Structure formats: structure tokens, C-alpha cells
N, C-alpha and C. Protein backbone atom coordinates (compact mmCIF):
# COMPACT_ATOMS: atom_id res chain seq x y z
N MET A 1 65.46 123.49 -32.64
CA MET A 1 64.98 124.90 -32.58
C MET A 1 63.69 125.05 -33.32
N ALA A 2 63.62 124.42 -34.49
CA ALA A 2 62.39 124.48 -35.28
C ALA A 2 61.28 123.75 -34.57
N GLU A 3 61.63 122.66 -33.86
CA GLU A 3 60.62 121.92 -33.12
C GLU A 3 60.03 122.78 -32.00
N ASP A 4 60.90 123.55 -31.34
CA ASP A 4 60.41 124.42 -30.26
C ASP A 4 59.43 125.45 -30.79
N ASN A 5 59.73 126.01 -31.92
CA ASN A 5 58.82 127.01 -32.50
C ASN A 5 57.47 126.40 -32.85
N LYS A 6 57.48 125.17 -33.36
CA LYS A 6 56.22 124.51 -33.69
C LYS A 6 55.40 124.26 -32.44
N GLU A 7 56.10 123.85 -31.37
CA GLU A 7 55.38 123.59 -30.12
C GLU A 7 54.73 124.88 -29.58
N GLN A 8 55.46 125.97 -29.65
CA GLN A 8 54.93 127.25 -29.15
C GLN A 8 53.74 127.70 -29.99
N ALA A 9 53.80 127.50 -31.29
CA ALA A 9 52.69 127.88 -32.17
C ALA A 9 51.47 127.04 -31.86
N ARG A 10 51.72 125.69 -31.63
CA ARG A 10 50.59 124.82 -31.33
C ARG A 10 49.96 125.20 -29.98
N ALA A 11 50.76 125.60 -28.99
CA ALA A 11 50.24 125.98 -27.68
C ALA A 11 49.43 127.28 -27.78
N ALA A 12 49.90 128.20 -28.62
CA ALA A 12 49.15 129.46 -28.79
C ALA A 12 47.79 129.23 -29.40
N GLU A 13 47.72 128.32 -30.40
CA GLU A 13 46.43 128.02 -31.03
C GLU A 13 45.47 127.37 -30.03
N GLU A 14 46.04 126.47 -29.19
CA GLU A 14 45.17 125.82 -28.20
C GLU A 14 44.64 126.84 -27.19
N ASN A 15 45.49 127.78 -26.78
CA ASN A 15 45.03 128.81 -25.82
C ASN A 15 43.93 129.69 -26.44
N GLU A 16 44.09 129.99 -27.72
CA GLU A 16 43.09 130.83 -28.40
C GLU A 16 41.76 130.11 -28.50
N GLU A 17 41.82 128.79 -28.81
CA GLU A 17 40.60 128.03 -28.89
C GLU A 17 39.92 127.95 -27.52
N THR A 18 40.75 127.78 -26.49
CA THR A 18 40.20 127.69 -25.14
C THR A 18 39.52 129.00 -24.75
N ALA A 19 40.10 130.15 -25.12
CA ALA A 19 39.54 131.46 -24.75
C ALA A 19 38.22 131.73 -25.43
N THR A 20 38.11 131.26 -26.69
CA THR A 20 36.88 131.56 -27.44
C THR A 20 35.82 130.50 -27.28
N ARG A 21 36.23 129.30 -26.72
CA ARG A 21 35.27 128.22 -26.58
C ARG A 21 34.38 128.51 -25.37
N PRO A 22 33.04 128.44 -25.47
CA PRO A 22 32.16 128.69 -24.32
C PRO A 22 32.33 127.63 -23.26
N GLU A 23 32.15 128.05 -22.02
CA GLU A 23 32.25 127.12 -20.91
C GLU A 23 31.07 126.17 -20.93
N VAL A 24 31.26 125.10 -20.21
CA VAL A 24 30.21 124.09 -20.14
C VAL A 24 28.99 124.67 -19.42
N GLY A 25 27.83 124.51 -19.99
CA GLY A 25 26.60 125.04 -19.38
C GLY A 25 26.31 126.48 -19.73
N GLU A 26 27.15 127.18 -20.42
CA GLU A 26 26.95 128.60 -20.77
C GLU A 26 26.59 128.67 -22.24
N ALA A 27 25.46 129.36 -22.51
CA ALA A 27 25.00 129.47 -23.90
C ALA A 27 25.92 130.41 -24.64
N PRO A 28 26.22 130.10 -25.82
CA PRO A 28 27.09 131.00 -26.60
C PRO A 28 26.39 132.31 -26.91
N VAL A 29 27.17 133.40 -26.89
CA VAL A 29 26.63 134.73 -27.17
C VAL A 29 26.49 134.89 -28.66
N GLU A 30 25.28 135.16 -29.05
CA GLU A 30 25.01 135.32 -30.46
C GLU A 30 24.94 136.80 -30.81
N ALA A 31 25.46 137.18 -31.90
CA ALA A 31 25.40 138.57 -32.36
C ALA A 31 23.96 138.89 -32.78
N PRO A 32 23.47 140.09 -32.44
CA PRO A 32 22.10 140.44 -32.79
C PRO A 32 21.91 140.46 -34.29
N GLU A 33 20.71 140.04 -34.66
CA GLU A 33 20.37 140.06 -36.06
C GLU A 33 20.26 141.50 -36.57
N PRO A 34 20.49 141.73 -37.82
CA PRO A 34 20.36 143.09 -38.37
C PRO A 34 18.96 143.67 -38.16
N SER A 35 17.90 142.84 -38.24
CA SER A 35 16.54 143.35 -38.04
C SER A 35 16.34 143.84 -36.61
N GLU A 36 16.95 143.19 -35.61
CA GLU A 36 16.85 143.62 -34.20
C GLU A 36 17.53 144.97 -34.00
N ILE A 37 18.65 145.17 -34.64
CA ILE A 37 19.34 146.46 -34.55
C ILE A 37 18.48 147.58 -35.14
N GLU A 38 17.86 147.28 -36.25
CA GLU A 38 16.99 148.29 -36.87
C GLU A 38 15.79 148.61 -35.97
N ARG A 39 15.23 147.57 -35.32
CA ARG A 39 14.08 147.80 -34.44
C ARG A 39 14.47 148.68 -33.25
N LEU A 40 15.62 148.36 -32.64
CA LEU A 40 16.09 149.16 -31.51
C LEU A 40 16.38 150.60 -31.93
N GLY A 41 16.95 150.77 -33.12
CA GLY A 41 17.21 152.12 -33.61
C GLY A 41 15.92 152.90 -33.83
N ALA A 42 14.89 152.21 -34.36
CA ALA A 42 13.60 152.87 -34.58
C ALA A 42 12.97 153.27 -33.25
N GLU A 43 13.05 152.39 -32.24
CA GLU A 43 12.50 152.72 -30.92
C GLU A 43 13.22 153.92 -30.31
N LEU A 44 14.52 153.96 -30.49
CA LEU A 44 15.30 155.09 -29.96
C LEU A 44 14.90 156.39 -30.64
N ASP A 45 14.74 156.35 -31.96
CA ASP A 45 14.31 157.54 -32.69
C ASP A 45 12.92 158.00 -32.23
N ALA A 46 12.02 157.03 -32.03
CA ALA A 46 10.67 157.37 -31.57
C ALA A 46 10.70 158.00 -30.18
N ALA A 47 11.54 157.45 -29.29
CA ALA A 47 11.66 158.01 -27.94
C ALA A 47 12.21 159.43 -27.98
N ARG A 48 13.19 159.65 -28.85
CA ARG A 48 13.74 161.00 -28.98
C ARG A 48 12.69 161.98 -29.50
N GLU A 49 11.87 161.55 -30.46
CA GLU A 49 10.83 162.42 -31.01
C GLU A 49 9.77 162.74 -29.94
N GLU A 50 9.42 161.74 -29.16
CA GLU A 50 8.44 161.97 -28.09
C GLU A 50 9.00 162.92 -27.04
N ALA A 51 10.27 162.76 -26.70
CA ALA A 51 10.90 163.66 -25.73
C ALA A 51 10.94 165.08 -26.26
N ARG A 52 11.19 165.22 -27.56
CA ARG A 52 11.20 166.57 -28.16
C ARG A 52 9.82 167.22 -28.10
N ARG A 53 8.77 166.40 -28.39
CA ARG A 53 7.40 166.94 -28.33
C ARG A 53 7.04 167.36 -26.91
N HIS A 54 7.41 166.52 -25.95
CA HIS A 54 7.12 166.87 -24.55
C HIS A 54 7.86 168.14 -24.13
N HIS A 55 9.07 168.29 -24.58
CA HIS A 55 9.84 169.49 -24.25
C HIS A 55 9.19 170.73 -24.87
N ASP A 56 8.77 170.62 -26.12
CA ASP A 56 8.09 171.75 -26.77
C ASP A 56 6.78 172.09 -26.05
N LEU A 57 6.03 171.05 -25.64
CA LEU A 57 4.79 171.28 -24.92
C LEU A 57 5.04 171.97 -23.58
N TYR A 58 6.10 171.53 -22.89
CA TYR A 58 6.45 172.16 -21.61
C TYR A 58 6.79 173.64 -21.80
N LEU A 59 7.57 173.95 -22.81
CA LEU A 59 7.94 175.34 -23.05
C LEU A 59 6.71 176.18 -23.38
N ARG A 60 5.79 175.62 -24.18
CA ARG A 60 4.59 176.36 -24.55
C ARG A 60 3.69 176.60 -23.33
N GLU A 61 3.52 175.57 -22.51
CA GLU A 61 2.68 175.74 -21.31
C GLU A 61 3.33 176.69 -20.30
N ALA A 62 4.66 176.64 -20.20
CA ALA A 62 5.34 177.57 -19.29
C ALA A 62 5.15 179.00 -19.75
N ALA A 63 5.21 179.23 -21.06
CA ALA A 63 5.00 180.58 -21.59
C ALA A 63 3.56 181.03 -21.34
N GLU A 64 2.58 180.14 -21.56
CA GLU A 64 1.19 180.48 -21.32
C GLU A 64 0.93 180.78 -19.84
N THR A 65 1.55 180.01 -18.96
CA THR A 65 1.40 180.26 -17.52
C THR A 65 1.97 181.61 -17.14
N GLU A 66 3.12 181.95 -17.68
CA GLU A 66 3.73 183.25 -17.38
C GLU A 66 2.86 184.39 -17.89
N ASN A 67 2.30 184.24 -19.10
CA ASN A 67 1.40 185.27 -19.63
C ASN A 67 0.14 185.41 -18.79
N TYR A 68 -0.37 184.28 -18.30
CA TYR A 68 -1.57 184.31 -17.44
C TYR A 68 -1.28 185.05 -16.14
N LYS A 69 -0.13 184.77 -15.54
CA LYS A 69 0.24 185.46 -14.30
C LYS A 69 0.35 186.97 -14.52
N LYS A 70 0.97 187.36 -15.65
CA LYS A 70 1.09 188.78 -15.94
C LYS A 70 -0.28 189.43 -16.14
N ARG A 71 -1.18 188.72 -16.84
CA ARG A 71 -2.51 189.27 -17.08
C ARG A 71 -3.30 189.41 -15.78
N VAL A 72 -3.22 188.41 -14.91
CA VAL A 72 -3.92 188.47 -13.63
C VAL A 72 -3.38 189.61 -12.77
N THR A 73 -2.07 189.76 -12.75
CA THR A 73 -1.46 190.86 -11.98
C THR A 73 -1.91 192.21 -12.51
N ARG A 74 -1.94 192.36 -13.82
CA ARG A 74 -2.38 193.62 -14.42
C ARG A 74 -3.85 193.90 -14.11
N GLU A 75 -4.69 192.88 -14.20
CA GLU A 75 -6.12 193.06 -13.91
C GLU A 75 -6.33 193.39 -12.44
N LYS A 76 -5.54 192.78 -11.57
CA LYS A 76 -5.65 193.07 -10.14
C LYS A 76 -5.25 194.52 -9.85
N GLN A 77 -4.17 194.97 -10.47
CA GLN A 77 -3.74 196.35 -10.28
C GLN A 77 -4.80 197.34 -10.79
N ASP A 78 -5.40 197.02 -11.94
CA ASP A 78 -6.45 197.89 -12.48
C ASP A 78 -7.67 197.90 -11.57
N ALA A 79 -8.00 196.73 -11.01
CA ALA A 79 -9.16 196.65 -10.12
C ALA A 79 -8.94 197.50 -8.87
N ILE A 80 -7.72 197.48 -8.34
CA ILE A 80 -7.42 198.31 -7.16
C ILE A 80 -7.40 199.79 -7.54
N ARG A 81 -6.82 200.09 -8.68
CA ARG A 81 -6.68 201.48 -9.10
C ARG A 81 -8.03 202.13 -9.39
N TYR A 82 -8.95 201.37 -9.97
CA TYR A 82 -10.24 201.93 -10.37
C TYR A 82 -11.39 201.38 -9.52
N ALA A 83 -11.08 200.94 -8.30
CA ALA A 83 -12.12 200.34 -7.45
C ALA A 83 -13.22 201.33 -7.11
N ASN A 84 -12.89 202.62 -6.99
CA ASN A 84 -13.87 203.63 -6.59
C ASN A 84 -14.48 204.36 -7.77
N GLU A 85 -14.34 203.80 -8.96
CA GLU A 85 -14.83 204.50 -10.16
C GLU A 85 -16.34 204.76 -10.08
N SER A 86 -17.13 203.74 -9.74
CA SER A 86 -18.59 203.92 -9.70
C SER A 86 -19.00 204.88 -8.60
N LEU A 87 -18.31 204.84 -7.45
CA LEU A 87 -18.62 205.76 -6.36
C LEU A 87 -18.34 207.20 -6.78
N VAL A 88 -17.19 207.43 -7.38
CA VAL A 88 -16.84 208.78 -7.82
C VAL A 88 -17.85 209.28 -8.85
N ARG A 89 -18.26 208.39 -9.76
CA ARG A 89 -19.22 208.78 -10.78
C ARG A 89 -20.55 209.22 -10.15
N ASP A 90 -20.98 208.53 -9.08
CA ASP A 90 -22.22 208.89 -8.41
C ASP A 90 -22.09 210.17 -7.59
N LEU A 91 -20.86 210.50 -7.18
CA LEU A 91 -20.65 211.71 -6.38
C LEU A 91 -20.47 212.96 -7.25
N LEU A 92 -20.20 212.80 -8.52
CA LEU A 92 -20.00 213.96 -9.38
C LEU A 92 -21.22 214.87 -9.44
N PRO A 93 -22.45 214.34 -9.56
CA PRO A 93 -23.61 215.24 -9.53
C PRO A 93 -23.74 216.02 -8.22
N VAL A 94 -23.33 215.40 -7.12
CA VAL A 94 -23.37 216.11 -5.83
C VAL A 94 -22.41 217.29 -5.85
N ILE A 95 -21.22 217.08 -6.42
CA ILE A 95 -20.25 218.19 -6.53
C ILE A 95 -20.81 219.29 -7.43
N ASP A 96 -21.49 218.89 -8.50
CA ASP A 96 -22.11 219.88 -9.38
C ASP A 96 -23.12 220.73 -8.62
N ASP A 97 -23.95 220.08 -7.79
CA ASP A 97 -24.95 220.83 -7.01
C ASP A 97 -24.27 221.77 -6.02
N LEU A 98 -23.20 221.33 -5.40
CA LEU A 98 -22.48 222.21 -4.47
C LEU A 98 -21.89 223.42 -5.18
N GLU A 99 -21.35 223.20 -6.35
CA GLU A 99 -20.77 224.32 -7.10
C GLU A 99 -21.86 225.30 -7.54
N ARG A 100 -23.00 224.80 -7.96
CA ARG A 100 -24.10 225.69 -8.33
C ARG A 100 -24.58 226.48 -7.12
N ALA A 101 -24.68 225.81 -5.96
CA ALA A 101 -25.11 226.50 -4.75
C ALA A 101 -24.10 227.59 -4.36
N ALA A 102 -22.81 227.29 -4.51
CA ALA A 102 -21.79 228.27 -4.17
C ALA A 102 -21.84 229.47 -5.11
N ARG A 103 -22.15 229.26 -6.40
CA ARG A 103 -22.22 230.37 -7.36
C ARG A 103 -23.42 231.28 -7.09
N HIS A 104 -24.53 230.69 -6.68
CA HIS A 104 -25.75 231.48 -6.49
C HIS A 104 -25.90 232.04 -5.08
N ALA A 105 -25.09 231.56 -4.15
CA ALA A 105 -25.25 232.00 -2.76
C ALA A 105 -25.02 233.50 -2.57
N PRO A 106 -23.98 234.13 -3.14
CA PRO A 106 -23.75 235.56 -2.88
C PRO A 106 -24.89 236.45 -3.38
N GLY A 107 -25.53 236.08 -4.46
CA GLY A 107 -26.58 236.93 -5.01
C GLY A 107 -27.96 236.62 -4.48
N ASP A 108 -28.06 235.58 -3.65
CA ASP A 108 -29.36 235.19 -3.11
C ASP A 108 -29.49 235.74 -1.70
N GLY A 109 -30.49 236.57 -1.50
CA GLY A 109 -30.65 237.19 -0.18
C GLY A 109 -31.41 236.34 0.81
N ASP A 110 -31.90 235.18 0.42
CA ASP A 110 -32.68 234.34 1.32
C ASP A 110 -31.77 233.27 1.91
N PRO A 111 -31.40 233.40 3.18
CA PRO A 111 -30.53 232.39 3.79
C PRO A 111 -31.21 231.03 3.91
N HIS A 112 -32.54 231.05 4.05
CA HIS A 112 -33.24 229.76 4.18
C HIS A 112 -33.12 228.94 2.90
N ALA A 113 -33.14 229.61 1.78
CA ALA A 113 -33.00 228.89 0.51
C ALA A 113 -31.62 228.23 0.42
N LEU A 114 -30.58 228.92 0.90
CA LEU A 114 -29.25 228.35 0.89
C LEU A 114 -29.16 227.12 1.79
N VAL A 115 -29.77 227.22 2.97
CA VAL A 115 -29.77 226.08 3.90
C VAL A 115 -30.51 224.90 3.29
N ASP A 116 -31.67 225.20 2.69
CA ASP A 116 -32.43 224.12 2.06
C ASP A 116 -31.62 223.46 0.94
N GLY A 117 -30.91 224.28 0.17
CA GLY A 117 -30.08 223.73 -0.91
C GLY A 117 -28.97 222.84 -0.37
N ILE A 118 -28.33 223.27 0.73
CA ILE A 118 -27.27 222.47 1.32
C ILE A 118 -27.82 221.15 1.84
N GLU A 119 -28.99 221.19 2.47
CA GLU A 119 -29.60 219.96 2.98
C GLU A 119 -29.93 219.00 1.85
N LEU A 120 -30.37 219.53 0.72
CA LEU A 120 -30.65 218.67 -0.42
C LEU A 120 -29.38 218.02 -0.95
N VAL A 121 -28.29 218.78 -0.97
CA VAL A 121 -27.02 218.23 -1.43
C VAL A 121 -26.53 217.14 -0.48
N ILE A 122 -26.66 217.38 0.82
CA ILE A 122 -26.26 216.37 1.80
C ILE A 122 -27.08 215.10 1.62
N LYS A 123 -28.37 215.27 1.40
CA LYS A 123 -29.23 214.11 1.19
C LYS A 123 -28.81 213.34 -0.06
N ALA A 124 -28.51 214.06 -1.14
CA ALA A 124 -28.07 213.39 -2.37
C ALA A 124 -26.74 212.67 -2.15
N CYS A 125 -25.87 213.27 -1.39
CA CYS A 125 -24.57 212.65 -1.11
C CYS A 125 -24.75 211.36 -0.31
N LEU A 126 -25.59 211.40 0.71
CA LEU A 126 -25.84 210.20 1.52
C LEU A 126 -26.48 209.10 0.69
N GLU A 127 -27.38 209.49 -0.22
CA GLU A 127 -28.02 208.49 -1.08
C GLU A 127 -26.99 207.84 -2.02
N ALA A 128 -26.06 208.65 -2.53
CA ALA A 128 -25.01 208.10 -3.40
C ALA A 128 -24.13 207.13 -2.62
N LEU A 129 -23.79 207.48 -1.39
CA LEU A 129 -22.97 206.59 -0.57
C LEU A 129 -23.73 205.32 -0.21
N GLN A 130 -25.03 205.47 0.05
CA GLN A 130 -25.82 204.30 0.43
C GLN A 130 -25.88 203.28 -0.71
N LYS A 131 -25.86 203.76 -1.95
CA LYS A 131 -25.84 202.85 -3.09
C LYS A 131 -24.61 201.96 -3.09
N HIS A 132 -23.56 202.42 -2.43
CA HIS A 132 -22.30 201.67 -2.38
C HIS A 132 -22.07 201.04 -1.01
N GLY A 133 -23.14 200.85 -0.25
CA GLY A 133 -23.05 200.12 1.01
C GLY A 133 -22.64 200.94 2.20
N VAL A 134 -22.65 202.29 2.09
CA VAL A 134 -22.28 203.15 3.22
C VAL A 134 -23.54 203.59 3.95
N THR A 135 -23.62 203.29 5.23
CA THR A 135 -24.78 203.68 6.05
C THR A 135 -24.30 204.31 7.34
N ARG A 136 -25.19 205.10 7.96
CA ARG A 136 -24.84 205.77 9.20
C ARG A 136 -25.07 204.86 10.41
N VAL A 137 -24.28 205.09 11.42
CA VAL A 137 -24.44 204.36 12.68
C VAL A 137 -25.53 205.05 13.50
N THR A 138 -26.47 204.27 14.02
CA THR A 138 -27.51 204.81 14.89
C THR A 138 -26.90 205.11 16.25
N ALA A 139 -27.10 206.33 16.74
CA ALA A 139 -26.41 206.70 17.98
C ALA A 139 -27.36 207.36 18.99
N LYS A 140 -27.93 208.52 18.64
CA LYS A 140 -28.69 209.31 19.61
C LYS A 140 -29.89 208.53 20.14
N GLY A 141 -30.00 208.50 21.49
CA GLY A 141 -31.08 207.78 22.14
C GLY A 141 -30.80 206.31 22.35
N GLN A 142 -29.67 205.81 21.85
CA GLN A 142 -29.32 204.40 21.98
C GLN A 142 -28.37 204.20 23.16
N PRO A 143 -28.36 203.00 23.74
CA PRO A 143 -27.35 202.71 24.77
C PRO A 143 -25.94 202.82 24.18
N PHE A 144 -25.04 203.35 24.98
CA PHE A 144 -23.66 203.52 24.50
C PHE A 144 -23.04 202.16 24.20
N ASP A 145 -22.46 202.04 23.02
CA ASP A 145 -21.83 200.79 22.58
C ASP A 145 -20.41 201.12 22.15
N PRO A 146 -19.40 200.69 22.90
CA PRO A 146 -18.01 201.02 22.54
C PRO A 146 -17.57 200.43 21.21
N GLU A 147 -18.31 199.46 20.68
CA GLU A 147 -17.98 198.87 19.39
C GLU A 147 -18.26 199.83 18.23
N LYS A 148 -19.20 200.77 18.43
CA LYS A 148 -19.56 201.69 17.34
C LYS A 148 -19.70 203.14 17.79
N HIS A 149 -19.54 203.41 19.09
CA HIS A 149 -19.62 204.78 19.60
C HIS A 149 -18.31 205.14 20.29
N GLU A 150 -17.93 206.39 20.18
CA GLU A 150 -16.75 206.91 20.89
C GLU A 150 -17.20 208.06 21.78
N ALA A 151 -16.97 207.90 23.08
CA ALA A 151 -17.46 208.90 24.04
C ALA A 151 -16.60 210.15 23.97
N TYR A 152 -17.27 211.29 23.78
CA TYR A 152 -16.60 212.58 23.75
C TYR A 152 -16.73 213.28 25.11
N ALA A 153 -17.89 213.13 25.73
CA ALA A 153 -18.13 213.78 27.02
C ALA A 153 -19.25 213.04 27.74
N GLN A 154 -19.34 213.27 29.06
CA GLN A 154 -20.43 212.75 29.86
C GLN A 154 -21.30 213.92 30.33
N VAL A 155 -22.59 213.71 30.27
CA VAL A 155 -23.54 214.77 30.61
C VAL A 155 -24.41 214.27 31.75
N GLU A 156 -24.42 215.03 32.85
CA GLU A 156 -25.28 214.68 33.98
C GLU A 156 -26.71 215.10 33.66
N THR A 157 -27.60 214.15 33.67
CA THR A 157 -28.99 214.42 33.35
C THR A 157 -29.87 213.35 33.97
N GLY A 158 -31.05 213.77 34.34
CA GLY A 158 -32.04 212.82 34.86
C GLY A 158 -33.13 212.55 33.87
N GLU A 159 -32.99 213.07 32.65
CA GLU A 159 -34.02 212.91 31.64
C GLU A 159 -33.94 211.58 30.91
N CYS A 160 -32.82 210.89 31.01
CA CYS A 160 -32.68 209.58 30.36
C CYS A 160 -31.80 208.69 31.21
N GLU A 161 -31.81 207.43 30.88
CA GLU A 161 -31.04 206.45 31.65
C GLU A 161 -29.54 206.71 31.51
N PRO A 162 -28.77 206.43 32.58
CA PRO A 162 -27.32 206.55 32.45
C PRO A 162 -26.79 205.63 31.34
N ASN A 163 -25.68 206.07 30.77
CA ASN A 163 -25.02 205.33 29.68
C ASN A 163 -25.84 205.35 28.39
N THR A 164 -26.67 206.38 28.25
CA THR A 164 -27.43 206.56 27.01
C THR A 164 -26.81 207.70 26.21
N VAL A 165 -26.76 207.56 24.91
CA VAL A 165 -26.23 208.61 24.05
C VAL A 165 -27.25 209.74 23.99
N VAL A 166 -26.82 210.93 24.42
CA VAL A 166 -27.73 212.07 24.45
C VAL A 166 -27.46 213.06 23.32
N ASP A 167 -26.27 213.01 22.74
CA ASP A 167 -25.96 213.94 21.65
C ASP A 167 -24.88 213.31 20.76
N GLU A 168 -24.88 213.73 19.50
CA GLU A 168 -23.94 213.20 18.52
C GLU A 168 -23.13 214.35 17.94
N ILE A 169 -21.82 214.35 18.19
CA ILE A 169 -20.96 215.41 17.66
C ILE A 169 -20.74 215.20 16.17
N HIS A 170 -20.40 214.00 15.77
CA HIS A 170 -20.41 213.66 14.34
C HIS A 170 -20.81 212.20 14.18
N PRO A 171 -21.49 211.87 13.10
CA PRO A 171 -22.01 210.51 12.94
C PRO A 171 -20.92 209.52 12.55
N GLY A 172 -21.17 208.27 12.85
CA GLY A 172 -20.30 207.19 12.40
C GLY A 172 -20.89 206.53 11.17
N TYR A 173 -20.07 205.74 10.47
CA TYR A 173 -20.51 205.14 9.22
C TYR A 173 -20.01 203.70 9.13
N TYR A 174 -20.85 202.87 8.49
CA TYR A 174 -20.50 201.51 8.12
C TYR A 174 -20.25 201.43 6.62
N LEU A 175 -19.34 200.57 6.23
CA LEU A 175 -19.22 200.13 4.84
C LEU A 175 -19.66 198.68 4.82
N VAL A 176 -20.89 198.45 4.38
CA VAL A 176 -21.56 197.16 4.49
C VAL A 176 -21.61 196.79 5.98
N ASP A 177 -20.83 195.80 6.43
CA ASP A 177 -20.84 195.44 7.85
C ASP A 177 -19.54 195.81 8.55
N ARG A 178 -18.71 196.62 7.91
CA ARG A 178 -17.44 197.04 8.52
C ARG A 178 -17.55 198.49 8.99
N LEU A 179 -17.13 198.73 10.21
CA LEU A 179 -17.19 200.08 10.76
C LEU A 179 -16.09 200.94 10.16
N LEU A 180 -16.49 202.00 9.43
CA LEU A 180 -15.51 202.93 8.89
C LEU A 180 -15.06 203.94 9.93
N ARG A 181 -16.05 204.44 10.71
CA ARG A 181 -15.75 205.45 11.72
C ARG A 181 -16.82 205.39 12.79
N PRO A 182 -16.41 205.38 14.08
CA PRO A 182 -17.43 205.37 15.14
C PRO A 182 -18.08 206.74 15.28
N SER A 183 -19.27 206.74 15.86
CA SER A 183 -19.94 208.00 16.16
C SER A 183 -19.30 208.65 17.38
N LEU A 184 -19.03 209.94 17.28
CA LEU A 184 -18.49 210.70 18.42
C LEU A 184 -19.68 211.27 19.18
N VAL A 185 -19.84 210.85 20.45
CA VAL A 185 -21.10 211.11 21.15
C VAL A 185 -20.85 211.63 22.56
N SER A 186 -21.93 212.22 23.12
CA SER A 186 -22.00 212.57 24.54
C SER A 186 -22.89 211.54 25.22
N VAL A 187 -22.47 211.11 26.41
CA VAL A 187 -23.16 210.01 27.09
C VAL A 187 -23.73 210.52 28.41
N ALA A 188 -24.94 210.07 28.70
CA ALA A 188 -25.61 210.49 29.94
C ALA A 188 -25.02 209.74 31.13
N LYS A 189 -24.97 210.46 32.26
CA LYS A 189 -24.63 209.82 33.52
C LYS A 189 -25.56 210.35 34.59
N ALA A 190 -25.71 209.58 35.65
CA ALA A 190 -26.63 209.96 36.72
C ALA A 190 -26.14 211.22 37.40
N PRO A 191 -27.07 212.16 37.72
CA PRO A 191 -26.66 213.39 38.41
C PRO A 191 -26.19 213.09 39.83
N THR A 192 -25.32 213.96 40.36
CA THR A 192 -24.84 213.81 41.73
C THR A 192 -25.97 214.14 42.70
N LEU A 193 -25.74 213.89 44.01
CA LEU A 193 -26.76 214.17 45.02
C LEU A 193 -27.10 215.65 45.06
N GLN A 194 -26.11 216.50 44.91
CA GLN A 194 -26.35 217.94 44.92
C GLN A 194 -27.21 218.35 43.73
N ASP A 195 -26.91 217.77 42.60
CA ASP A 195 -27.71 218.07 41.41
C ASP A 195 -29.14 217.58 41.58
N LYS A 196 -29.30 216.41 42.22
CA LYS A 196 -30.64 215.90 42.47
C LYS A 196 -31.42 216.85 43.38
N SER A 197 -30.75 217.37 44.44
CA SER A 197 -31.43 218.29 45.35
C SER A 197 -31.83 219.56 44.61
N SER A 198 -30.95 220.03 43.76
CA SER A 198 -31.27 221.24 43.00
C SER A 198 -32.47 221.01 42.09
N LEU A 199 -32.49 219.84 41.46
CA LEU A 199 -33.61 219.53 40.59
C LEU A 199 -34.90 219.42 41.38
N GLU A 200 -34.81 218.73 42.53
CA GLU A 200 -36.02 218.57 43.35
C GLU A 200 -36.50 219.92 43.88
N ASN A 201 -35.58 220.79 44.33
CA ASN A 201 -35.96 222.11 44.81
C ASN A 201 -36.57 222.94 43.70
N GLY A 202 -35.99 222.80 42.52
CA GLY A 202 -36.53 223.53 41.38
C GLY A 202 -37.93 223.07 41.05
N GLU A 203 -38.16 221.76 41.10
CA GLU A 203 -39.49 221.25 40.82
C GLU A 203 -40.48 221.70 41.88
N SER A 204 -40.03 221.72 43.16
CA SER A 204 -40.92 222.16 44.24
C SER A 204 -41.28 223.62 44.06
N ALA A 205 -40.31 224.43 43.67
CA ALA A 205 -40.59 225.86 43.49
C ALA A 205 -41.58 226.06 42.36
N VAL A 206 -41.45 225.28 41.32
CA VAL A 206 -42.40 225.41 40.20
C VAL A 206 -43.79 225.01 40.64
N GLU A 207 -43.88 223.91 41.43
CA GLU A 207 -45.21 223.49 41.91
C GLU A 207 -45.82 224.52 42.84
N ASN A 208 -45.00 225.16 43.70
CA ASN A 208 -45.52 226.20 44.62
C ASN A 208 -46.02 227.39 43.82
N ASP A 209 -45.28 227.77 42.80
CA ASP A 209 -45.71 228.89 41.99
C ASP A 209 -47.05 228.60 41.32
N ARG A 210 -47.20 227.33 40.87
CA ARG A 210 -48.48 226.96 40.27
C ARG A 210 -49.60 227.01 41.29
N GLY A 211 -49.30 226.57 42.59
CA GLY A 211 -50.32 226.59 43.63
C GLY A 211 -50.72 228.02 43.98
N ASP A 212 -49.76 228.94 43.98
CA ASP A 212 -50.10 230.35 44.31
C ASP A 212 -50.97 230.94 43.23
N ASP A 213 -50.74 230.53 42.00
CA ASP A 213 -51.57 231.06 40.93
C ASP A 213 -53.00 230.59 41.09
């Protein structure tokens, strides 16, 4: 019995040696030196510190970007809200002139002076608008152009070519090169045959009257 126990103990020791003994051709695994562990720990600490700095930088740049977006949005809203500030400032003197004309009109017995005053105010208003790129559309005497003229009526006449603007009900305006409003106009058209006969008869009668004289 004691011999059996000795044999089992000897077999266990041999198995343990076999398990821990490296195989043929395989290099034994060596435990890392303490200096290598310290180096790896230092590299890990450095990587963590760099990651922390990058994270802080990201948060700071994200905050700056958000503040920039808010500032740009606010400036854009202000630009839209106060876009007409300079135009309104230039029109204020025109309003002052109109108010002065309205105050003095009842006590002024000269209607021509009132008309002259109104024309001066209109001129000042147009000059203020022109400073901001507003100009009138040329219409009367020009060929009808649907891009900038709107036909209100057709007028039969032999005094000008058909499709010519003969009258302007209200003017059109440009803002720089953009059409704000077309001119509302009357356009010439060729007279009918009956109208031509009437015109010719009228001209003949005038010539006969001149001959009798």
C-alpha cells in the first residue's frame, strides 16, 4: 500500500514537470522585467493624458463653434431687420417737407406755389430712392416691352408706330437691375379702315378750307 502511494506521488511529479517543461523548439516564456512594466505604464499614462487634452480641446472648439453660429444668426437677423435703415433715414427729410407743405397749404392762396412745392418734394423723394439703386423704367415713346411694361389699354392712332407706348398711367421702377414694378401703359395700334377714311376726309377738308382762304 505504501509502495502504491509512492508510485502515485512519483507519477504526479513527473506530470507536473512535463506540463511546465517547454516543448522542443519553443522558446520559454520569460516574465517581463520590472523596467519594461514601468515603461508600459508610463506610455499608458501619457496616452491617457493626451486623450484628455484632445477631449478638452474638442469641447472648447465645439463651444466656440456654437457661439459663432449664434453670433452669425443674430447678425443676420439684425441685417434683415435694419436693412432699410439708410433708405428710411434719407426719406425722413422728404416727409418733413410734405408735412410743412400740408401745414402751409390752407393759408396759402396761391395754388401754383403748392404745386411747385409738391413737385420739389417728389423730386427729392426720387433722388433719395436713386441713391439706393431705385430708378424709373423708361416707357413713353418706347416700343412696348412685356418684360417691363404692362398694357392697360390700346389706343388707335396714326401719329406713331403700332405697339408704341403712347401714355403712362403709372411709372415702373427698378431696384438696381431687378424690376420692382412694371410701367402701366397705353399702347398704340393701327387705326381701322374707317378711322383712316375719317382721318383722310378730315385732312382733305382742312386743305380745302385753306384753299378757299
